Amino acid sequence: MGAGSSSIADFGGHVAVLRRALEEAGRDPAAFTVSKRLYLAIDDDRARAEARLRRWFGHVYGAPDMASAVAVWGPEAYVRERIAETVALGAGHLLLHPPFDHDEHLEALADLAVGD
């Protein structure tokens, strides 16, 4: 599983390294499920979402800047694009982690169909 503390761009590099290692070990990379944790916040007000993520990351990890580096936030369409990007980079499984407004995010994510 790609760490939530890594960006989507970093995840792409990690997947490439993993696939090479699997091939070198004689394993089929296509048979190895790759996962990624995505911290996210769906909110039409991007500044508010980023501020809330920064507060949460500061409280939980003592590193508010980590939010800006690794989380995905913004309107549903933008979050959908970032999820699709993560899948395109090789994620066959996602752990979507909204750190707040859980019920609202569950509803929004239930309707979020990636790959449409």
PDB file of N, CA and C in Angstrom:
ATOM      1  N   MET A   1       0.852  -1.177   0.000  1.00  0.00           N
ATOM      2  CA  MET A   1       0.000   0.000   0.000  1.00  0.00           C
ATOM      3  C   MET A   1       0.885   1.223   0.000  1.00  0.00           C
ATOM      4  N   GLY A   2       0.627   2.100  -0.970  1.00  0.00           N
ATOM      5  CA  GLY A   2       1.319   3.382  -0.992  1.00  0.00           C
ATOM      6  C   GLY A   2       0.867   4.212   0.198  1.00  0.00           C
ATOM      7  N   ALA A   3       1.811   4.739   0.910  1.00  0.00           N
ATOM      8  CA  ALA A   3       1.517   5.482   2.128  1.00  0.00           C
ATOM      9  C   ALA A   3       0.701   6.739   1.851  1.00  0.00           C
ATOM     10  N   GLY A   4      -0.173   7.055   2.782  1.00  0.00           N
ATOM     11  CA  GLY A   4      -0.909   8.306   2.684  1.00  0.00           C
ATOM     12  C   GLY A   4       0.016   9.498   2.795  1.00  0.00           C
ATOM     13  N   SER A   5       1.200   9.282   3.342  1.00  0.00           N
ATOM     14  CA  SER A   5       2.164  10.365   3.501  1.00  0.00           C
ATOM     15  C   SER A   5       3.005  10.579   2.255  1.00  0.00           C
ATOM     16  N   SER A   6       2.637   9.922   1.160  1.00  0.00           N
ATOM     17  CA  SER A   6       3.319  10.163  -0.111  1.00  0.00           C
ATOM     18  C   SER A   6       2.332  10.785  -1.087  1.00  0.00           C
ATOM     19  N   SER A   7       2.856  11.622  -1.954  1.00  0.00           N
ATOM     20  CA  SER A   7       2.006  12.283  -2.950  1.00  0.00           C
ATOM     21  C   SER A   7       1.627  11.299  -4.052  1.00  0.00           C
ATOM     22  N   ILE A   8       0.677  11.696  -4.858  1.00  0.00           N
ATOM     23  CA  ILE A   8       0.287  10.857  -6.001  1.00  0.00           C
ATOM     24  C   ILE A   8       1.465  10.712  -6.956  1.00  0.00           C
ATOM     25  N   ALA A   9       2.196  11.799  -7.190  1.00  0.00           N
ATOM     26  CA  ALA A   9       3.365  11.733  -8.078  1.00  0.00           C
ATOM     27  C   ALA A   9       4.405  10.764  -7.534  1.00  0.00           C
ATOM     28  N   ASP A  10       4.687  10.832  -6.235  1.00  0.00           N
ATOM     29  CA  ASP A  10       5.641   9.902  -5.624  1.00  0.00           C
ATOM     30  C   ASP A  10       5.145   8.467  -5.754  1.00  0.00           C
ATOM     31  N   PHE A  11       3.852   8.265  -5.574  1.00  0.00           N
ATOM     32  CA  PHE A  11       3.259   6.938  -5.695  1.00  0.00           C
ATOM     33  C   PHE A  11       3.567   6.340  -7.067  1.00  0.00           C
ATOM     34  N   GLY A  12       3.460   7.134  -8.120  1.00  0.00           N
ATOM     35  CA  GLY A  12       3.761   6.641  -9.466  1.00  0.00           C
ATOM     36  C   GLY A  12       5.177   6.099  -9.562  1.00  0.00           C
ATOM     37  N   GLY A  13       6.130   6.794  -8.965  1.00  0.00           N
ATOM     38  CA  GLY A  13       7.510   6.315  -8.941  1.00  0.00           C
ATOM     39  C   GLY A  13       7.663   5.052  -8.122  1.00  0.00           C
ATOM     40  N   HIS A  14       6.950   4.985  -7.003  1.00  0.00           N
ATOM     41  CA  HIS A  14       7.017   3.801  -6.145  1.00  0.00           C
ATOM     42  C   HIS A  14       6.469   2.571  -6.870  1.00  0.00           C
ATOM     43  N   VAL A  15       5.395   2.768  -7.626  1.00  0.00           N
ATOM     44  CA  VAL A  15       4.805   1.646  -8.375  1.00  0.00           C
ATOM     45  C   VAL A  15       5.802   1.128  -9.409  1.00  0.00           C
ATOM     46  N   ALA A  16       6.499   2.034 -10.080  1.00  0.00           N
ATOM     47  CA  ALA A  16       7.483   1.614 -11.082  1.00  0.00           C
ATOM     48  C   ALA A  16       8.597   0.789 -10.438  1.00  0.00           C
ATOM     49  N   VAL A  17       9.079   1.224  -9.276  1.00  0.00           N
ATOM     50  CA  VAL A  17      10.126   0.487  -8.567  1.00  0.00           C
ATOM     51  C   VAL A  17       9.597  -0.885  -8.147  1.00  0.00           C
ATOM     52  N   LEU A  18       8.397  -0.926  -7.623  1.00  0.00           N
ATOM     53  CA  LEU A  18       7.791  -2.190  -7.190  1.00  0.00           C
ATOM     54  C   LEU A  18       7.653  -3.155  -8.363  1.00  0.00           C
ATOM     55  N   ARG A  19       7.153  -2.665  -9.484  1.00  0.00           N
ATOM     56  CA  ARG A  19       6.959  -3.544 -10.648  1.00  0.00           C
ATOM     57  C   ARG A  19       8.287  -4.110 -11.143  1.00  0.00           C
ATOM     58  N   ARG A  20       9.330  -3.263 -11.163  1.00  0.00           N
ATOM     59  CA  ARG A  20      10.650  -3.760 -11.573  1.00  0.00           C
ATOM     60  C   ARG A  20      11.140  -4.850 -10.614  1.00  0.00           C
ATOM     61  N   ALA A  21      10.954  -4.616  -9.319  1.00  0.00           N
ATOM     62  CA  ALA A  21      11.400  -5.592  -8.323  1.00  0.00           C
ATOM     63  C   ALA A  21      10.642  -6.908  -8.473  1.00  0.00           C
ATOM     64  N   LEU A  22       9.358  -6.823  -8.732  1.00  0.00           N
ATOM     65  CA  LEU A  22       8.568  -8.039  -8.933  1.00  0.00           C
ATOM     66  C   LEU A  22       9.055  -8.798 -10.160  1.00  0.00           C
ATOM     67  N   GLU A  23       9.301  -8.074 -11.255  1.00  0.00           N
ATOM     68  CA  GLU A  23       9.799  -8.729 -12.468  1.00  0.00           C
ATOM     69  C   GLU A  23      11.153  -9.389 -12.225  1.00  0.00           C
ATOM     70  N   GLU A  24      12.042  -8.680 -11.515  1.00  0.00           N
ATOM     71  CA  GLU A  24      13.363  -9.230 -11.218  1.00  0.00           C
ATOM     72  C   GLU A  24      13.263 -10.480 -10.346  1.00  0.00           C
ATOM     73  N   ALA A  25      12.226 -10.553  -9.512  1.00  0.00           N
ATOM     74  CA  ALA A  25      12.022 -11.713  -8.650  1.00  0.00           C
ATOM     75  C   ALA A  25      11.250 -12.826  -9.363  1.00  0.00           C
ATOM     76  N   GLY A  26      10.920 -12.605 -10.635  1.00  0.00           N
ATOM     77  CA  GLY A  26      10.196 -13.616 -11.398  1.00  0.00           C
ATOM     78  C   GLY A  26       8.718 -13.675 -11.089  1.00  0.00           C
ATOM     79  N   ARG A  27       8.194 -12.604 -10.528  1.00  0.00           N
ATOM     80  CA  ARG A  27       6.763 -12.547 -10.191  1.00  0.00           C
ATOM     81  C   ARG A  27       6.042 -11.681 -11.214  1.00  0.00           C
ATOM     82  N   ASP A  28       4.801 -11.998 -11.447  1.00  0.00           N
ATOM     83  CA  ASP A  28       3.978 -11.259 -12.397  1.00  0.00           C
ATOM     84  C   ASP A  28       3.435 -10.003 -11.724  1.00  0.00           C
ATOM     85  N   PRO A  29       3.888  -8.811 -12.137  1.00  0.00           N
ATOM     86  CA  PRO A  29       3.392  -7.581 -11.526  1.00  0.00           C
ATOM     87  C   PRO A  29       1.877  -7.418 -11.644  1.00  0.00           C
ATOM     88  N   ALA A  30       1.288  -7.959 -12.695  1.00  0.00           N
ATOM     89  CA  ALA A  30      -0.161  -7.833 -12.885  1.00  0.00           C
ATOM     90  C   ALA A  30      -0.934  -8.636 -11.838  1.00  0.00           C
ATOM     91  N   ALA A  31      -0.283  -9.620 -11.218  1.00  0.00           N
ATOM     92  CA  ALA A  31      -0.948 -10.448 -10.218  1.00  0.00           C
ATOM     93  C   ALA A  31      -0.767  -9.889  -8.805  1.00  0.00           C
ATOM     94  N   PHE A  32      -0.108  -8.742  -8.687  1.00  0.00           N
ATOM     95  CA  PHE A  32       0.179  -8.131  -7.385  1.00  0.00           C
ATOM     96  C   PHE A  32      -0.678  -6.882  -7.243  1.00  0.00           C
ATOM     97  N   THR A  33      -1.618  -6.910  -6.318  1.00  0.00           N
ATOM     98  CA  THR A  33      -2.503  -5.761  -6.135  1.00  0.00           C
ATOM     99  C   THR A  33      -1.756  -4.633  -5.428  1.00  0.00           C
ATOM    100  N   VAL A  34      -1.820  -3.471  -6.026  1.00  0.00           N
ATOM    101  CA  VAL A  34      -1.184  -2.275  -5.464  1.00  0.00           C
ATOM    102  C   VAL A  34      -2.281  -1.390  -4.891  1.00  0.00           C
ATOM    103  N   SER A  35      -2.039  -0.886  -3.697  1.00  0.00           N
ATOM    104  CA  SER A  35      -3.008  -0.021  -3.012  1.00  0.00           C
ATOM    105  C   SER A  35      -2.396   1.347  -2.761  1.00  0.00           C
ATOM    106  N   LYS A  36      -3.274   2.309  -2.463  1.00  0.00           N
ATOM    107  CA  LYS A  36      -2.820   3.657  -2.100  1.00  0.00           C
ATOM    108  C   LYS A  36      -3.824   4.270  -1.150  1.00  0.00           C
ATOM    109  N   ARG A  37      -3.335   4.838  -0.062  1.00  0.00           N
ATOM    110  CA  ARG A  37      -4.185   5.622   0.841  1.00  0.00           C
ATOM    111  C   ARG A  37      -4.180   7.058   0.335  1.00  0.00           C
ATOM    112  N   LEU A  38      -5.379   7.623   0.204  1.00  0.00           N
ATOM    113  CA  LEU A  38      -5.531   9.022  -0.196  1.00  0.00           C
ATOM    114  C   LEU A  38      -6.284   9.781   0.885  1.00  0.00           C
ATOM    115  N   TYR A  39      -5.615  10.742   1.479  1.00  0.00           N
ATOM    116  CA  TYR A  39      -6.319  11.677   2.352  1.00  0.00           C
ATOM    117  C   TYR A  39      -7.034  12.650   1.436  1.00  0.00           C
ATOM    118  N   LEU A  40      -8.301  12.923   1.712  1.00  0.00           N
ATOM    119  CA  LEU A  40      -9.039  13.797   0.808  1.00  0.00           C
ATOM    120  C   LEU A  40     -10.096  14.608   1.539  1.00  0.00           C
ATOM    121  N   ALA A  41     -10.476  15.683   0.887  1.00  0.00           N
ATOM    122  CA  ALA A  41     -11.566  16.527   1.376  1.00  0.00           C
ATOM    123  C   ALA A  41     -12.319  17.055   0.165  1.00  0.00           C
ATOM    124  N   ILE A  42     -13.578  16.702   0.070  1.00  0.00           N
ATOM    125  CA  ILE A  42     -14.426  17.197  -1.007  1.00  0.00           C
ATOM    126  C   ILE A  42     -15.113  18.457  -0.502  1.00  0.00           C
ATOM    127  N   ASP A  43     -14.833  19.566  -1.182  1.00  0.00           N
ATOM    128  CA  ASP A  43     -15.372  20.860  -0.767  1.00  0.00           C
ATOM    129  C   ASP A  43     -15.198  21.822  -1.935  1.00  0.00           C
ATOM    130  N   ASP A  44     -16.262  22.508  -2.321  1.00  0.00           N
ATOM    131  CA  ASP A  44     -16.164  23.484  -3.406  1.00  0.00           C
ATOM    132  C   ASP A  44     -15.271  24.661  -3.033  1.00  0.00           C
ATOM    133  N   ASP A  45     -15.083  24.888  -1.746  1.00  0.00           N
ATOM    134  CA  ASP A  45     -14.205  25.956  -1.269  1.00  0.00           C
ATOM    135  C   ASP A  45     -12.828  25.348  -0.989  1.00  0.00           C
ATOM    136  N   ARG A  46     -11.939  25.412  -1.984  1.00  0.00           N
ATOM    137  CA  ARG A  46     -10.619  24.775  -1.877  1.00  0.00           C
ATOM    138  C   ARG A  46      -9.802  25.320  -0.706  1.00  0.00           C
ATOM    139  N   ALA A  47      -9.861  26.618  -0.487  1.00  0.00           N
ATOM    140  CA  ALA A  47      -9.075  27.224   0.599  1.00  0.00           C
ATOM    141  C   ALA A  47      -9.545  26.709   1.960  1.00  0.00           C
ATOM    142  N   ARG A  48     -10.842  26.608   2.141  1.00  0.00           N
ATOM    143  CA  ARG A  48     -11.379  26.093   3.402  1.00  0.00           C
ATOM    144  C   ARG A  48     -10.957  24.630   3.599  1.00  0.00           C
ATOM    145  N   ALA A  49     -11.064  23.829   2.543  1.00  0.00           N
ATOM    146  CA  ALA A  49     -10.686  22.420   2.643  1.00  0.00           C
ATOM    147  C   ALA A  49      -9.204  22.272   2.993  1.00  0.00           C
ATOM    148  N   GLU A  50      -8.366  23.043   2.331  1.00  0.00           N
ATOM    149  CA  GLU A  50      -6.932  22.953   2.623  1.00  0.00           C
ATOM    150  C   GLU A  50      -6.646  23.383   4.061  1.00  0.00           C
ATOM    151  N   ALA A  51      -7.279  24.442   4.513  1.00  0.00           N
ATOM    152  CA  ALA A  51      -7.065  24.910   5.889  1.00  0.00           C
ATOM    153  C   ALA A  51      -7.485  23.837   6.898  1.00  0.00           C
ATOM    154  N   ARG A  52      -8.605  23.187   6.646  1.00  0.00           N
ATOM    155  CA  ARG A  52      -9.070  22.134   7.561  1.00  0.00           C
ATOM    156  C   ARG A  52      -8.126  20.937   7.544  1.00  0.00           C
ATOM    157  N   LEU A  53      -7.639  20.580   6.361  1.00  0.00           N
ATOM    158  CA  LEU A  53      -6.671  19.481   6.269  1.00  0.00           C
ATOM    159  C   LEU A  53      -5.379  19.837   6.993  1.00  0.00           C
ATOM    160  N   ARG A  54      -4.926  21.058   6.827  1.00  0.00           N
ATOM    161  CA  ARG A  54      -3.697  21.495   7.495  1.00  0.00           C
ATOM    162  C   ARG A  54      -3.861  21.439   9.019  1.00  0.00           C
ATOM    163  N   ARG A  55      -5.014  21.856   9.507  1.00  0.00           N
ATOM    164  CA  ARG A  55      -5.255  21.768  10.959  1.00  0.00           C
ATOM    165  C   ARG A  55      -5.221  20.310  11.413  1.00  0.00           C
ATOM    166  N   TRP A  56      -5.890  19.429  10.669  1.00  0.00           N
ATOM    167  CA  TRP A  56      -5.941  18.022  11.039  1.00  0.00           C
ATOM    168  C   TRP A  56      -4.538  17.404  11.007  1.00  0.00           C
ATOM    169  N   PHE A  57      -3.789  17.623   9.925  1.00  0.00           N
ATOM    170  CA  PHE A  57      -2.439  17.075   9.829  1.00  0.00           C
ATOM    171  C   PHE A  57      -1.541  17.645  10.923  1.00  0.00           C
ATOM    172  N   GLY A  58      -1.726  18.908  11.254  1.00  0.00           N
ATOM    173  CA  GLY A  58      -0.955  19.507  12.334  1.00  0.00           C
ATOM    174  C   GLY A  58      -1.273  18.860  13.663  1.00  0.00           C
ATOM    175  N   HIS A  59      -2.549  18.622  13.902  1.00  0.00           N
ATOM    176  CA  HIS A  59      -2.972  18.006  15.167  1.00  0.00           C
ATOM    177  C   HIS A  59      -2.527  16.543  15.268  1.00  0.00           C
ATOM    178  N   VAL A  60      -2.734  15.785  14.212  1.00  0.00           N
ATOM    179  CA  VAL A  60      -2.472  14.341  14.248  1.00  0.00           C
ATOM    180  C   VAL A  60      -0.989  14.018  14.056  1.00  0.00           C
ATOM    181  N   TYR A  61      -0.339  14.677  13.110  1.00  0.00           N
ATOM    182  CA  TYR A  61       1.046  14.346  12.770  1.00  0.00           C
ATOM    183  C   TYR A  61       2.049  15.417  13.189  1.00  0.00           C
ATOM    184  N   GLY A  62       1.543  16.554  13.669  1.00  0.00           N
ATOM    185  CA  GLY A  62       2.453  17.649  14.012  1.00  0.00           C
ATOM    186  C   GLY A  62       3.097  18.255  12.776  1.00  0.00           C
ATOM    187  N   ALA A  63       2.470  18.093  11.622  1.00  0.00           N
ATOM    188  CA  ALA A  63       3.061  18.527  10.355  1.00  0.00           C
ATOM    189  C   ALA A  63       1.976  19.083   9.431  1.00  0.00           C
ATOM    190  N   PRO A  64       1.529  20.318   9.667  1.00  0.00           N
ATOM    191  CA  PRO A  64       0.460  20.867   8.820  1.00  0.00           C
ATOM    192  C   PRO A  64       0.834  20.945   7.339  1.00  0.00           C
ATOM    193  N   ASP A  65       2.117  21.161   7.026  1.00  0.00           N
ATOM    194  CA  ASP A  65       2.524  21.258   5.624  1.00  0.00           C
ATOM    195  C   ASP A  65       2.352  19.938   4.876  1.00  0.00           C
ATOM    196  N   MET A  66       2.306  18.847   5.613  1.00  0.00           N
ATOM    197  CA  MET A  66       2.105  17.537   4.990  1.00  0.00           C
ATOM    198  C   MET A  66       0.782  17.504   4.226  1.00  0.00           C
ATOM    199  N   ALA A  67      -0.226  18.195   4.731  1.00  0.00           N
ATOM    200  CA  ALA A  67      -1.530  18.221   4.063  1.00  0.00           C
ATOM    201  C   ALA A  67      -1.399  18.748   2.648  1.00  0.00           C
ATOM    202  N   SER A  68      -0.712  19.868   2.507  1.00  0.00           N
ATOM    203  CA  SER A  68      -0.575  20.491   1.189  1.00  0.00           C
ATOM    204  C   SER A  68       0.249  19.621   0.238  1.00  0.00           C
ATOM    205  N   ALA A  69       1.122  18.798   0.794  1.00  0.00           N
ATOM    206  CA  ALA A  69       1.989  17.968  -0.037  1.00  0.00           C
ATOM    207  C   ALA A  69       1.354  16.658  -0.472  1.00  0.00           C
ATOM    208  N   VAL A  70       0.460  16.096   0.360  1.00  0.00           N
ATOM    209  CA  VAL A  70       0.001  14.732   0.062  1.00  0.00           C
ATOM    210  C   VAL A  70      -1.505  14.577  -0.093  1.00  0.00           C
ATOM    211  N   ALA A  71      -2.298  15.481   0.440  1.00  0.00           N
ATOM    212  CA  ALA A  71      -3.756  15.317   0.402  1.00  0.00           C
ATOM    213  C   ALA A  71      -4.335  15.808  -0.924  1.00  0.00           C
ATOM    214  N   VAL A  72      -5.555  15.404  -1.168  1.00  0.00           N
ATOM    215  CA  VAL A  72      -6.325  15.821  -2.346  1.00  0.00           C
ATOM    216  C   VAL A  72      -7.555  16.550  -1.826  1.00  0.00           C
ATOM    217  N   TRP A  73      -7.812  17.747  -2.334  1.00  0.00           N
ATOM    218  CA  TRP A  73      -8.971  18.501  -1.852  1.00  0.00           C
ATOM    219  C   TRP A  73      -9.520  19.378  -2.959  1.00  0.00           C
ATOM    220  N   GLY A  74     -10.813  19.628  -2.847  1.00  0.00           N
ATOM    221  CA  GLY A  74     -11.477  20.494  -3.809  1.00  0.00           C
ATOM    222  C   GLY A  74     -12.838  19.937  -4.179  1.00  0.00           C
ATOM    223  N   PRO A  75     -13.412  20.482  -5.243  1.00  0.00           N
ATOM    224  CA  PRO A  75     -14.730  20.020  -5.700  1.00  0.00           C
ATOM    225  C   PRO A  75     -14.689  18.548  -6.115  1.00  0.00           C
ATOM    226  N   GLU A  76     -15.860  17.933  -6.142  1.00  0.00           N
ATOM    227  CA  GLU A  76     -15.952  16.507  -6.496  1.00  0.00           C
ATOM    228  C   GLU A  76     -15.240  16.180  -7.794  1.00  0.00           C
ATOM    229  N   ALA A  77     -15.409  17.009  -8.816  1.00  0.00           N
ATOM    230  CA  ALA A  77     -14.797  16.721 -10.115  1.00  0.00           C
ATOM    231  C   ALA A  77     -13.276  16.668  -9.999  1.00  0.00           C
ATOM    232  N   TYR A  78     -12.707  17.576  -9.234  1.00  0.00           N
ATOM    233  CA  TYR A  78     -11.251  17.598  -9.064  1.00  0.00           C
ATOM    234  C   TYR A  78     -10.783  16.351  -8.300  1.00  0.00           C
ATOM    235  N   VAL A  79     -11.481  16.007  -7.228  1.00  0.00           N
ATOM    236  CA  VAL A  79     -11.122  14.826  -6.446  1.00  0.00           C
ATOM    237  C   VAL A  79     -11.252  13.574  -7.317  1.00  0.00           C
ATOM    238  N   ARG A  80     -12.303  13.514  -8.116  1.00  0.00           N
ATOM    239  CA  ARG A  80     -12.492  12.388  -9.039  1.00  0.00           C
ATOM    240  C   ARG A  80     -11.288  12.266  -9.983  1.00  0.00           C
ATOM    241  N   GLU A  81     -10.814  13.389 -10.515  1.00  0.00           N
ATOM    242  CA  GLU A  81      -9.658  13.363 -11.419  1.00  0.00           C
ATOM    243  C   GLU A  81      -8.413  12.831 -10.722  1.00  0.00           C
ATOM    244  N   ARG A  82      -8.199  13.227  -9.485  1.00  0.00           N
ATOM    245  CA  ARG A  82      -7.018  12.766  -8.741  1.00  0.00           C
ATOM    246  C   ARG A  82      -7.129  11.271  -8.418  1.00  0.00           C
ATOM    247  N   ILE A  83      -8.338  10.826  -8.114  1.00  0.00           N
ATOM    248  CA  ILE A  83      -8.536   9.388  -7.872  1.00  0.00           C
ATOM    249  C   ILE A  83      -8.262   8.612  -9.156  1.00  0.00           C
ATOM    250  N   ALA A  84      -8.788   9.092 -10.267  1.00  0.00           N
ATOM    251  CA  ALA A  84      -8.558   8.428 -11.553  1.00  0.00           C
ATOM    252  C   ALA A  84      -7.066   8.412 -11.902  1.00  0.00           C
ATOM    253  N   GLU A  85      -6.371   9.495 -11.601  1.00  0.00           N
ATOM    254  CA  GLU A  85      -4.927   9.559 -11.835  1.00  0.00           C
ATOM    255  C   GLU A  85      -4.200   8.483 -11.016  1.00  0.00           C
ATOM    256  N   THR A  86      -4.610   8.314  -9.781  1.00  0.00           N
ATOM    257  CA  THR A  86      -3.994   7.318  -8.903  1.00  0.00           C
ATOM    258  C   THR A  86      -4.239   5.908  -9.433  1.00  0.00           C
ATOM    259  N   VAL A  87      -5.442   5.655  -9.904  1.00  0.00           N
ATOM    260  CA  VAL A  87      -5.765   4.353 -10.498  1.00  0.00           C
ATOM    261  C   VAL A  87      -4.930   4.138 -11.759  1.00  0.00           C
ATOM    262  N   ALA A  88      -4.808   5.163 -12.584  1.00  0.00           N
ATOM    263  CA  ALA A  88      -4.028   5.052 -13.823  1.00  0.00           C
ATOM    264  C   ALA A  88      -2.551   4.761 -13.533  1.00  0.00           C
ATOM    265  N   LEU A  89      -2.057   5.222 -12.401  1.00  0.00           N
ATOM    266  CA  LEU A  89      -0.670   4.965 -12.023  1.00  0.00           C
ATOM    267  C   LEU A  89      -0.458   3.555 -11.482  1.00  0.00           C
ATOM    268  N   GLY A  90      -1.561   2.826 -11.260  1.00  0.00           N
ATOM    269  CA  GLY A  90      -1.417   1.433 -10.873  1.00  0.00           C
ATOM    270  C   GLY A  90      -2.171   0.994  -9.636  1.00  0.00           C
ATOM    271  N   ALA A  91      -2.905   1.881  -9.006  1.00  0.00           N
ATOM    272  CA  ALA A  91      -3.637   1.484  -7.799  1.00  0.00           C
ATOM    273  C   ALA A  91      -4.848   0.643  -8.183  1.00  0.00           C
ATOM    274  N   GLY A  92      -4.862  -0.580  -7.722  1.00  0.00           N
ATOM    275  CA  GLY A  92      -6.013  -1.453  -7.926  1.00  0.00           C
ATOM    276  C   GLY A  92      -6.932  -1.453  -6.720  1.00  0.00           C
ATOM    277  N   HIS A  93      -6.493  -0.810  -5.661  1.00  0.00           N
ATOM    278  CA  HIS A  93      -7.250  -0.714  -4.416  1.00  0.00           C
ATOM    279  C   HIS A  93      -6.942   0.645  -3.808  1.00  0.00           C
ATOM    280  N   LEU A  94      -7.969   1.324  -3.327  1.00  0.00           N
ATOM    281  CA  LEU A  94      -7.788   2.635  -2.697  1.00  0.00           C
ATOM    282  C   LEU A  94      -8.365   2.631  -1.297  1.00  0.00           C
ATOM    283  N   LEU A  95      -7.645   3.250  -0.390  1.00  0.00           N
ATOM    284  CA  LEU A  95      -8.158   3.533   0.941  1.00  0.00           C
ATOM    285  C   LEU A  95      -8.385   5.041   0.970  1.00  0.00           C
ATOM    286  N   LEU A  96      -9.635   5.450   0.787  1.00  0.00           N
ATOM    287  CA  LEU A  96      -9.980   6.867   0.763  1.00  0.00           C
ATOM    288  C   LEU A  96     -10.212   7.321   2.194  1.00  0.00           C
ATOM    289  N   HIS A  97      -9.461   8.324   2.615  1.00  0.00           N
ATOM    290  CA  HIS A  97      -9.441   8.729   4.016  1.00  0.00           C
ATOM    291  C   HIS A  97      -9.823  10.204   4.161  1.00  0.00           C
ATOM    292  N   PRO A  98     -11.109  10.479   4.316  1.00  0.00           N
ATOM    293  CA  PRO A  98     -11.512  11.848   4.652  1.00  0.00           C
ATOM    294  C   PRO A  98     -11.370  12.031   6.166  1.00  0.00           C
ATOM    295  N   PRO A  99     -10.515  12.930   6.629  1.00  0.00           N
ATOM    296  CA  PRO A  99     -10.282  13.049   8.069  1.00  0.00           C
ATOM    297  C   PRO A  99     -11.385  13.759   8.847  1.00  0.00           C
ATOM    298  N   PHE A 100     -12.380  14.309   8.159  1.00  0.00           N
ATOM    299  CA  PHE A 100     -13.479  14.994   8.850  1.00  0.00           C
ATOM    300  C   PHE A 100     -14.728  14.916   7.974  1.00  0.00           C
ATOM    301  N   ASP A 101     -15.848  15.324   8.523  1.00  0.00           N
ATOM    302  CA  ASP A 101     -17.140  15.289   7.806  1.00  0.00           C
ATOM    303  C   ASP A 101     -17.384  13.910   7.184  1.00  0.00           C
ATOM    304  N   HIS A 102     -17.239  12.896   8.009  1.00  0.00           N
ATOM    305  CA  HIS A 102     -17.278  11.521   7.517  1.00  0.00           C
ATOM    306  C   HIS A 102     -18.580  11.164   6.800  1.00  0.00           C
ATOM    307  N   ASP A 103     -19.715  11.491   7.383  1.00  0.00           N
ATOM    308  CA  ASP A 103     -20.987  11.132   6.752  1.00  0.00           C
ATOM    309  C   ASP A 103     -21.148  11.804   5.391  1.00  0.00           C
ATOM    310  N   GLU A 104     -20.813  13.082   5.317  1.00  0.00           N
ATOM    311  CA  GLU A 104     -20.929  13.810   4.057  1.00  0.00           C
ATOM    312  C   GLU A 104     -19.995  13.222   2.995  1.00  0.00           C
ATOM    313  N   HIS A 105     -18.777  12.880   3.414  1.00  0.00           N
ATOM    314  CA  HIS A 105     -17.839  12.298   2.463  1.00  0.00           C
ATOM    315  C   HIS A 105     -18.288  10.912   2.011  1.00  0.00           C
ATOM    316  N   LEU A 106     -18.838  10.130   2.932  1.00  0.00           N
ATOM    317  CA  LEU A 106     -19.334   8.806   2.536  1.00  0.00           C
ATOM    318  C   LEU A 106     -20.415   8.924   1.469  1.00  0.00           C
ATOM    319  N   GLU A 107     -21.319   9.859   1.655  1.00  0.00           N
ATOM    320  CA  GLU A 107     -22.364  10.061   0.645  1.00  0.00           C
ATOM    321  C   GLU A 107     -21.770  10.489  -0.685  1.00  0.00           C
ATOM    322  N   ALA A 108     -20.853  11.457  -0.650  1.00  0.00           N
ATOM    323  CA  ALA A 108     -20.245  11.945  -1.888  1.00  0.00           C
ATOM    324  C   ALA A 108     -19.426  10.844  -2.561  1.00  0.00           C
ATOM    325  N   LEU A 109     -18.676  10.089  -1.778  1.00  0.00           N
ATOM    326  CA  LEU A 109     -17.834   9.040  -2.351  1.00  0.00           C
ATOM    327  C   LEU A 109     -18.655   7.875  -2.875  1.00  0.00           C
ATOM    328  N   ALA A 110     -19.788   7.607  -2.272  1.00  0.00           N
ATOM    329  CA  ALA A 110     -20.668   6.540  -2.760  1.00  0.00           C
ATOM    330  C   ALA A 110     -21.156   6.832  -4.170  1.00  0.00           C
ATOM    331  N   ASP A 111     -21.311   8.111  -4.473  1.00  0.00           N
ATOM    332  CA  ASP A 111     -21.785   8.509  -5.800  1.00  0.00           C
ATOM    333  C   ASP A 111     -20.648   8.764  -6.781  1.00  0.00           C
ATOM    334  N   LEU A 112     -19.433   8.698  -6.289  1.00  0.00           N
ATOM    335  CA  LEU A 112     -18.266   9.014  -7.115  1.00  0.00           C
ATOM    336  C   LEU A 112     -17.858   7.768  -7.900  1.00  0.00           C
ATOM    337  N   ALA A 113     -18.145   7.756  -9.161  1.00  0.00           N
ATOM    338  CA  ALA A 113     -17.788   6.613 -10.005  1.00  0.00           C
ATOM    339  C   ALA A 113     -16.536   6.969 -10.799  1.00  0.00           C
ATOM    340  N   VAL A 114     -15.450   6.282 -10.518  1.00  0.00           N
ATOM    341  CA  VAL A 114     -14.195   6.510 -11.213  1.00  0.00           C
ATOM    342  C   VAL A 114     -14.187   5.712 -12.504  1.00  0.00           C
ATOM    343  N   GLY A 115     -13.668   6.309 -13.546  1.00  0.00           N
ATOM    344  CA  GLY A 115     -13.538   5.605 -14.812  1.00  0.00           C
ATOM    345  C   GLY A 115     -14.738   5.804 -15.731  1.00  0.00           C
ATOM    346  N   ASP A 116     -15.642   6.700 -15.381  1.00  0.00           N
ATOM    347  CA  ASP A 116     -16.782   6.964 -16.267  1.00  0.00           C
ATOM    348  C   ASP A 116     -16.327   7.677 -17.521  1.00  0.00           C
TER     349      ASP A 116
END
